[in-house]
């Protein structure tokens, strides 16, 4: 699966997710292309956020150990 490489890509994806949220409703079928795109991009954004948080936590922990 694709991954977000940097903050710039992340911000672009967030803007697209916001736009799709205006289009996709609870009545939108899961087979609709906009629904599929929103689902995939939201998963990508979530994975990036988790990885970023883990990276920040590792840096904080390393700084505490080195202090």
PDB file of N, CA and C in Angstrom:
ATOM      1  N   UNK A   1       0.842  -1.188   0.000  1.00  0.00           N
ATOM      2  CA  UNK A   1       0.000   0.000   0.000  1.00  0.00           C
ATOM      3  C   UNK A   1       0.883   1.246   0.000  1.00  0.00           C
ATOM      4  N   UNK A   2       0.396   2.282  -0.605  1.00  0.00           N
ATOM      5  CA  UNK A   2       1.125   3.546  -0.665  1.00  0.00           C
ATOM      6  C   UNK A   2       1.233   4.151   0.729  1.00  0.00           C
ATOM      7  N   UNK A   3       2.220   5.013   0.892  1.00  0.00           N
ATOM      8  CA  UNK A   3       2.415   5.719   2.163  1.00  0.00           C
ATOM      9  C   UNK A   3       2.640   7.190   1.892  1.00  0.00           C
ATOM     10  N   UNK A   4       2.247   8.011   2.833  1.00  0.00           N
ATOM     11  CA  UNK A   4       2.511   9.444   2.754  1.00  0.00           C
ATOM     12  C   UNK A   4       3.979   9.646   3.098  1.00  0.00           C
ATOM     13  N   UNK A   5       4.677  10.385   2.244  1.00  0.00           N
ATOM     14  CA  UNK A   5       6.124  10.540   2.403  1.00  0.00           C
ATOM     15  C   UNK A   5       6.534  11.733   3.262  1.00  0.00           C
ATOM     16  N   UNK A   6       5.706  12.772   3.280  1.00  0.00           N
ATOM     17  CA  UNK A   6       6.101  13.965   4.017  1.00  0.00           C
ATOM     18  C   UNK A   6       4.877  14.808   4.380  1.00  0.00           C
ATOM     19  N   UNK A   7       5.134  15.866   5.132  1.00  0.00           N
ATOM     20  CA  UNK A   7       4.065  16.740   5.620  1.00  0.00           C
ATOM     21  C   UNK A   7       3.297  17.401   4.476  1.00  0.00           C
ATOM     22  N   UNK A   8       3.991  17.736   3.393  1.00  0.00           N
ATOM     23  CA  UNK A   8       3.331  18.373   2.251  1.00  0.00           C
ATOM     24  C   UNK A   8       2.283  17.436   1.650  1.00  0.00           C
ATOM     25  N   UNK A   9       2.650  16.181   1.432  1.00  0.00           N
ATOM     26  CA  UNK A   9       1.688  15.203   0.918  1.00  0.00           C
ATOM     27  C   UNK A   9       0.533  15.024   1.902  1.00  0.00           C
ATOM     28  N   UNK A  10       0.847  14.991   3.171  1.00  0.00           N
ATOM     29  CA  UNK A  10      -0.176  14.833   4.204  1.00  0.00           C
ATOM     30  C   UNK A  10      -1.197  15.975   4.134  1.00  0.00           C
ATOM     31  N   UNK A  11      -0.724  17.199   4.009  1.00  0.00           N
ATOM     32  CA  UNK A  11      -1.631  18.353   3.936  1.00  0.00           C
ATOM     33  C   UNK A  11      -2.501  18.308   2.678  1.00  0.00           C
ATOM     34  N   UNK A  12      -1.932  17.888   1.561  1.00  0.00           N
ATOM     35  CA  UNK A  12      -2.698  17.763   0.319  1.00  0.00           C
ATOM     36  C   UNK A  12      -3.796  16.716   0.483  1.00  0.00           C
ATOM     37  N   UNK A  13      -3.446  15.598   1.100  1.00  0.00           N
ATOM     38  CA  UNK A  13      -4.426  14.539   1.316  1.00  0.00           C
ATOM     39  C   UNK A  13      -5.525  14.997   2.270  1.00  0.00           C
ATOM     40  N   UNK A  14      -5.162  15.727   3.315  1.00  0.00           N
ATOM     41  CA  UNK A  14      -6.185  16.235   4.238  1.00  0.00           C
ATOM     42  C   UNK A  14      -7.176  17.150   3.532  1.00  0.00           C
ATOM     43  N   UNK A  15      -6.684  17.998   2.636  1.00  0.00           N
ATOM     44  CA  UNK A  15      -7.590  18.878   1.886  1.00  0.00           C
ATOM     45  C   UNK A  15      -8.538  18.076   1.010  1.00  0.00           C
ATOM     46  N   UNK A  16      -8.009  17.009   0.389  1.00  0.00           N
ATOM     47  CA  UNK A  16      -8.864  16.160  -0.455  1.00  0.00           C
ATOM     48  C   UNK A  16      -9.884  15.416   0.398  1.00  0.00           C
ATOM     49  N   UNK A  17      -9.478  14.951   1.559  1.00  0.00           N
ATOM     50  CA  UNK A  17     -10.404  14.270   2.466  1.00  0.00           C
ATOM     51  C   UNK A  17     -11.530  15.226   2.864  1.00  0.00           C
ATOM     52  N   UNK A  18     -11.192  16.463   3.179  1.00  0.00           N
ATOM     53  CA  UNK A  18     -12.214  17.448   3.546  1.00  0.00           C
ATOM     54  C   UNK A  18     -13.188  17.670   2.396  1.00  0.00           C
ATOM     55  N   UNK A  19     -12.673  17.770   1.174  1.00  0.00           N
ATOM     56  CA  UNK A  19     -13.540  17.966   0.011  1.00  0.00           C
ATOM     57  C   UNK A  19     -14.459  16.762  -0.190  1.00  0.00           C
ATOM     58  N   UNK A  20     -13.916  15.574  -0.037  1.00  0.00           N
ATOM     59  CA  UNK A  20     -14.725  14.368  -0.208  1.00  0.00           C
ATOM     60  C   UNK A  20     -15.772  14.231   0.885  1.00  0.00           C
ATOM     61  N   UNK A  21     -15.477  14.723   2.073  1.00  0.00           N
ATOM     62  CA  UNK A  21     -16.453  14.649   3.161  1.00  0.00           C
ATOM     63  C   UNK A  21     -17.686  15.497   2.862  1.00  0.00           C
ATOM     64  N   UNK A  22     -17.527  16.510   2.015  1.00  0.00           N
ATOM     65  CA  UNK A  22     -18.674  17.315   1.597  1.00  0.00           C
ATOM     66  C   UNK A  22     -19.513  16.588   0.543  1.00  0.00           C
ATOM     67  N   UNK A  23     -18.908  15.619  -0.127  1.00  0.00           N
ATOM     68  CA  UNK A  23     -19.577  14.891  -1.216  1.00  0.00           C
ATOM     69  C   UNK A  23     -20.185  13.582  -0.718  1.00  0.00           C
ATOM     70  N   UNK A  24     -19.429  12.855   0.087  1.00  0.00           N
ATOM     71  CA  UNK A  24     -19.850  11.539   0.560  1.00  0.00           C
ATOM     72  C   UNK A  24     -20.750  11.708   1.786  1.00  0.00           C
ATOM     73  N   UNK A  25     -21.904  11.070   1.732  1.00  0.00           N
ATOM     74  CA  UNK A  25     -22.842  11.105   2.853  1.00  0.00           C
ATOM     75  C   UNK A  25     -23.058   9.690   3.369  1.00  0.00           C
ATOM     76  N   UNK A  26     -23.843   9.563   4.407  1.00  0.00           N
ATOM     77  CA  UNK A  26     -24.133   8.223   4.922  1.00  0.00           C
ATOM     78  C   UNK A  26     -24.973   7.415   3.940  1.00  0.00           C
ATOM     79  N   UNK A  27     -25.550   8.086   2.940  1.00  0.00           N
ATOM     80  CA  UNK A  27     -26.327   7.393   1.911  1.00  0.00           C
ATOM     81  C   UNK A  27     -25.476   6.973   0.719  1.00  0.00           C
ATOM     82  N   UNK A  28     -24.226   7.390   0.689  1.00  0.00           N
ATOM     83  CA  UNK A  28     -23.343   7.043  -0.420  1.00  0.00           C
ATOM     84  C   UNK A  28     -22.973   5.562  -0.319  1.00  0.00           C
ATOM     85  N   UNK A  29     -23.193   4.812  -1.400  1.00  0.00           N
ATOM     86  CA  UNK A  29     -22.859   3.385  -1.343  1.00  0.00           C
ATOM     87  C   UNK A  29     -21.343   3.171  -1.303  1.00  0.00           C
ATOM     88  N   UNK A  30     -20.899   2.128  -0.626  1.00  0.00           N
ATOM     89  CA  UNK A  30     -19.465   1.830  -0.532  1.00  0.00           C
ATOM     90  C   UNK A  30     -18.797   1.580  -1.883  1.00  0.00           C
ATOM     91  N   UNK A  31     -19.570   1.308  -2.896  1.00  0.00           N
ATOM     92  CA  UNK A  31     -19.009   1.073  -4.226  1.00  0.00           C
ATOM     93  C   UNK A  31     -18.806   2.369  -5.011  1.00  0.00           C
ATOM     94  N   UNK A  32     -19.282   3.488  -4.483  1.00  0.00           N
ATOM     95  CA  UNK A  32     -19.125   4.775  -5.152  1.00  0.00           C
ATOM     96  C   UNK A  32     -17.653   5.179  -5.163  1.00  0.00           C
ATOM     97  N   UNK A  33     -17.134   5.654  -6.296  1.00  0.00           N
ATOM     98  CA  UNK A  33     -15.714   6.029  -6.376  1.00  0.00           C
ATOM     99  C   UNK A  33     -15.285   7.073  -5.341  1.00  0.00           C
ATOM    100  N   UNK A  34     -16.154   8.026  -5.034  1.00  0.00           N
ATOM    101  CA  UNK A  34     -15.815   9.033  -4.029  1.00  0.00           C
ATOM    102  C   UNK A  34     -15.708   8.405  -2.637  1.00  0.00           C
ATOM    103  N   UNK A  35     -16.588   7.460  -2.339  1.00  0.00           N
ATOM    104  CA  UNK A  35     -16.538   6.750  -1.063  1.00  0.00           C
ATOM    105  C   UNK A  35     -15.236   5.966  -0.942  1.00  0.00           C
ATOM    106  N   UNK A  36     -14.894   5.250  -2.004  1.00  0.00           N
ATOM    107  CA  UNK A  36     -13.667   4.448  -2.008  1.00  0.00           C
ATOM    108  C   UNK A  36     -12.447   5.342  -1.823  1.00  0.00           C
ATOM    109  N   UNK A  37     -12.399   6.464  -2.554  1.00  0.00           N
ATOM    110  CA  UNK A  37     -11.266   7.386  -2.435  1.00  0.00           C
ATOM    111  C   UNK A  37     -11.163   7.944  -1.023  1.00  0.00           C
ATOM    112  N   UNK A  38     -12.288   8.358  -0.458  1.00  0.00           N
ATOM    113  CA  UNK A  38     -12.291   8.895   0.902  1.00  0.00           C
ATOM    114  C   UNK A  38     -11.793   7.849   1.895  1.00  0.00           C
ATOM    115  N   UNK A  39     -12.263   6.642   1.760  1.00  0.00           N
ATOM    116  CA  UNK A  39     -11.863   5.571   2.662  1.00  0.00           C
ATOM    117  C   UNK A  39     -10.354   5.318   2.592  1.00  0.00           C
ATOM    118  N   UNK A  40      -9.816   5.242   1.396  1.00  0.00           N
ATOM    119  CA  UNK A  40      -8.383   4.996   1.219  1.00  0.00           C
ATOM    120  C   UNK A  40      -7.529   6.151   1.737  1.00  0.00           C
ATOM    121  N   UNK A  41      -7.927   7.378   1.388  1.00  0.00           N
ATOM    122  CA  UNK A  41      -7.144   8.533   1.823  1.00  0.00           C
ATOM    123  C   UNK A  41      -7.207   8.733   3.333  1.00  0.00           C
ATOM    124  N   UNK A  42      -8.363   8.465   3.913  1.00  0.00           N
ATOM    125  CA  UNK A  42      -8.487   8.584   5.372  1.00  0.00           C
ATOM    126  C   UNK A  42      -7.587   7.564   6.062  1.00  0.00           C
ATOM    127  N   UNK A  43      -7.520   6.349   5.518  1.00  0.00           N
ATOM    128  CA  UNK A  43      -6.625   5.328   6.083  1.00  0.00           C
ATOM    129  C   UNK A  43      -5.163   5.758   5.971  1.00  0.00           C
ATOM    130  N   UNK A  44      -4.788   6.304   4.826  1.00  0.00           N
ATOM    131  CA  UNK A  44      -3.414   6.781   4.640  1.00  0.00           C
ATOM    132  C   UNK A  44      -3.074   7.878   5.648  1.00  0.00           C
ATOM    133  N   UNK A  45      -3.992   8.828   5.805  1.00  0.00           N
ATOM    134  CA  UNK A  45      -3.759   9.933   6.737  1.00  0.00           C
ATOM    135  C   UNK A  45      -3.630   9.414   8.163  1.00  0.00           C
ATOM    136  N   UNK A  46      -4.467   8.462   8.532  1.00  0.00           N
ATOM    137  CA  UNK A  46      -4.403   7.898   9.885  1.00  0.00           C
ATOM    138  C   UNK A  46      -3.070   7.183  10.116  1.00  0.00           C
ATOM    139  N   UNK A  47      -2.613   6.408   9.147  1.00  0.00           N
ATOM    140  CA  UNK A  47      -1.327   5.716   9.281  1.00  0.00           C
ATOM    141  C   UNK A  47      -0.181   6.716   9.433  1.00  0.00           C
ATOM    142  N   UNK A  48      -0.231   7.813   8.679  1.00  0.00           N
ATOM    143  CA  UNK A  48       0.809   8.837   8.769  1.00  0.00           C
ATOM    144  C   UNK A  48       0.798   9.481  10.155  1.00  0.00           C
ATOM    145  N   UNK A  49      -0.402   9.774  10.653  1.00  0.00           N
ATOM    146  CA  UNK A  49      -0.515  10.399  11.974  1.00  0.00           C
ATOM    147  C   UNK A  49       0.026   9.480  13.070  1.00  0.00           C
ATOM    148  N   UNK A  50      -0.274   8.206  12.988  1.00  0.00           N
ATOM    149  CA  UNK A  50       0.217   7.247  13.982  1.00  0.00           C
ATOM    150  C   UNK A  50       1.737   7.150  13.913  1.00  0.00           C
ATOM    151  N   UNK A  51       2.271   7.046  12.692  1.00  0.00           N
ATOM    152  CA  UNK A  51       3.727   6.943  12.520  1.00  0.00           C
ATOM    153  C   UNK A  51       4.417   8.206  13.031  1.00  0.00           C
ATOM    154  N   UNK A  52       3.834   9.359  12.742  1.00  0.00           N
ATOM    155  CA  UNK A  52       4.413  10.635  13.200  1.00  0.00           C
ATOM    156  C   UNK A  52       4.404  10.705  14.722  1.00  0.00           C
ATOM    157  N   UNK A  53       3.305  10.273  15.328  1.00  0.00           N
ATOM    158  CA  UNK A  53       3.213  10.301  16.791  1.00  0.00           C
ATOM    159  C   UNK A  53       4.231   9.351  17.416  1.00  0.00           C
ATOM    160  N   UNK A  54       4.373   8.169  16.835  1.00  0.00           N
ATOM    161  CA  UNK A  54       5.353   7.213  17.346  1.00  0.00           C
ATOM    162  C   UNK A  54       6.767   7.771  17.215  1.00  0.00           C
ATOM    163  N   UNK A  55       7.060   8.418  16.106  1.00  0.00           N
ATOM    164  CA  UNK A  55       8.381   9.012  15.885  1.00  0.00           C
ATOM    165  C   UNK A  55       8.649  10.104  16.921  1.00  0.00           C
ATOM    166  N   UNK A  56       7.648  10.947  17.175  1.00  0.00           N
ATOM    167  CA  UNK A  56       7.809  12.012  18.167  1.00  0.00           C
ATOM    168  C   UNK A  56       8.022  11.421  19.555  1.00  0.00           C
ATOM    169  N   UNK A  57       7.273  10.368  19.878  1.00  0.00           N
ATOM    170  CA  UNK A  57       7.436   9.735  21.189  1.00  0.00           C
ATOM    171  C   UNK A  57       8.821   9.122  21.334  1.00  0.00           C
ATOM    172  N   UNK A  58       9.331   8.513  20.274  1.00  0.00           N
ATOM    173  CA  UNK A  58      10.674   7.938  20.322  1.00  0.00           C
ATOM    174  C   UNK A  58      11.719   9.026  20.534  1.00  0.00           C
ATOM    175  N   UNK A  59      11.548  10.160  19.876  1.00  0.00           N
ATOM    176  CA  UNK A  59      12.491  11.267  20.047  1.00  0.00           C
ATOM    177  C   UNK A  59      12.453  11.809  21.466  1.00  0.00           C
ATOM    178  N   UNK A  60      11.267  11.923  22.025  1.00  0.00           N
ATOM    179  CA  UNK A  60      11.141  12.421  23.406  1.00  0.00           C
ATOM    180  C   UNK A  60      11.810  11.438  24.367  1.00  0.00           C
ATOM    181  N   UNK A  61      11.534  10.143  24.179  1.00  0.00           N
ATOM    182  CA  UNK A  61      12.136   9.125  25.047  1.00  0.00           C
ATOM    183  C   UNK A  61      13.662   9.145  24.940  1.00  0.00           C
ATOM    184  N   UNK A  62      14.181   9.275  23.739  1.00  0.00           N
ATOM    185  CA  UNK A  62      15.623   9.314  23.549  1.00  0.00           C
ATOM    186  C   UNK A  62      16.223  10.538  24.227  1.00  0.00           C
ATOM    187  N   UNK A  63      15.546  11.655  24.154  1.00  0.00           N
ATOM    188  CA  UNK A  63      16.035  12.874  24.796  1.00  0.00           C
ATOM    189  C   UNK A  63      16.048  12.730  26.319  1.00  0.00           C
ATOM    190  N   UNK A  64      15.075  12.034  26.869  1.00  0.00           N
ATOM    191  CA  UNK A  64      15.044  11.814  28.324  1.00  0.00           C
ATOM    192  C   UNK A  64      16.189  10.915  28.750  1.00  0.00           C
ATOM    193  N   UNK A  65      16.483   9.904  27.958  1.00  0.00           N
ATOM    194  CA  UNK A  65      17.563   8.977  28.282  1.00  0.00           C
ATOM    195  C   UNK A  65      18.914   9.689  28.198  1.00  0.00           C
ATOM    196  N   UNK A  66      19.060  10.549  27.201  1.00  0.00           N
ATOM    197  CA  UNK A  66      20.339  11.230  26.995  1.00  0.00           C
ATOM    198  C   UNK A  66      20.546  12.380  27.979  1.00  0.00           C
ATOM    199  N   UNK A  67      19.478  12.852  28.603  1.00  0.00           N
ATOM    200  CA  UNK A  67      19.574  13.994  29.509  1.00  0.00           C
ATOM    201  C   UNK A  67      20.256  13.643  30.814  1.00  0.00           C
TER     202      UNK A  67
END
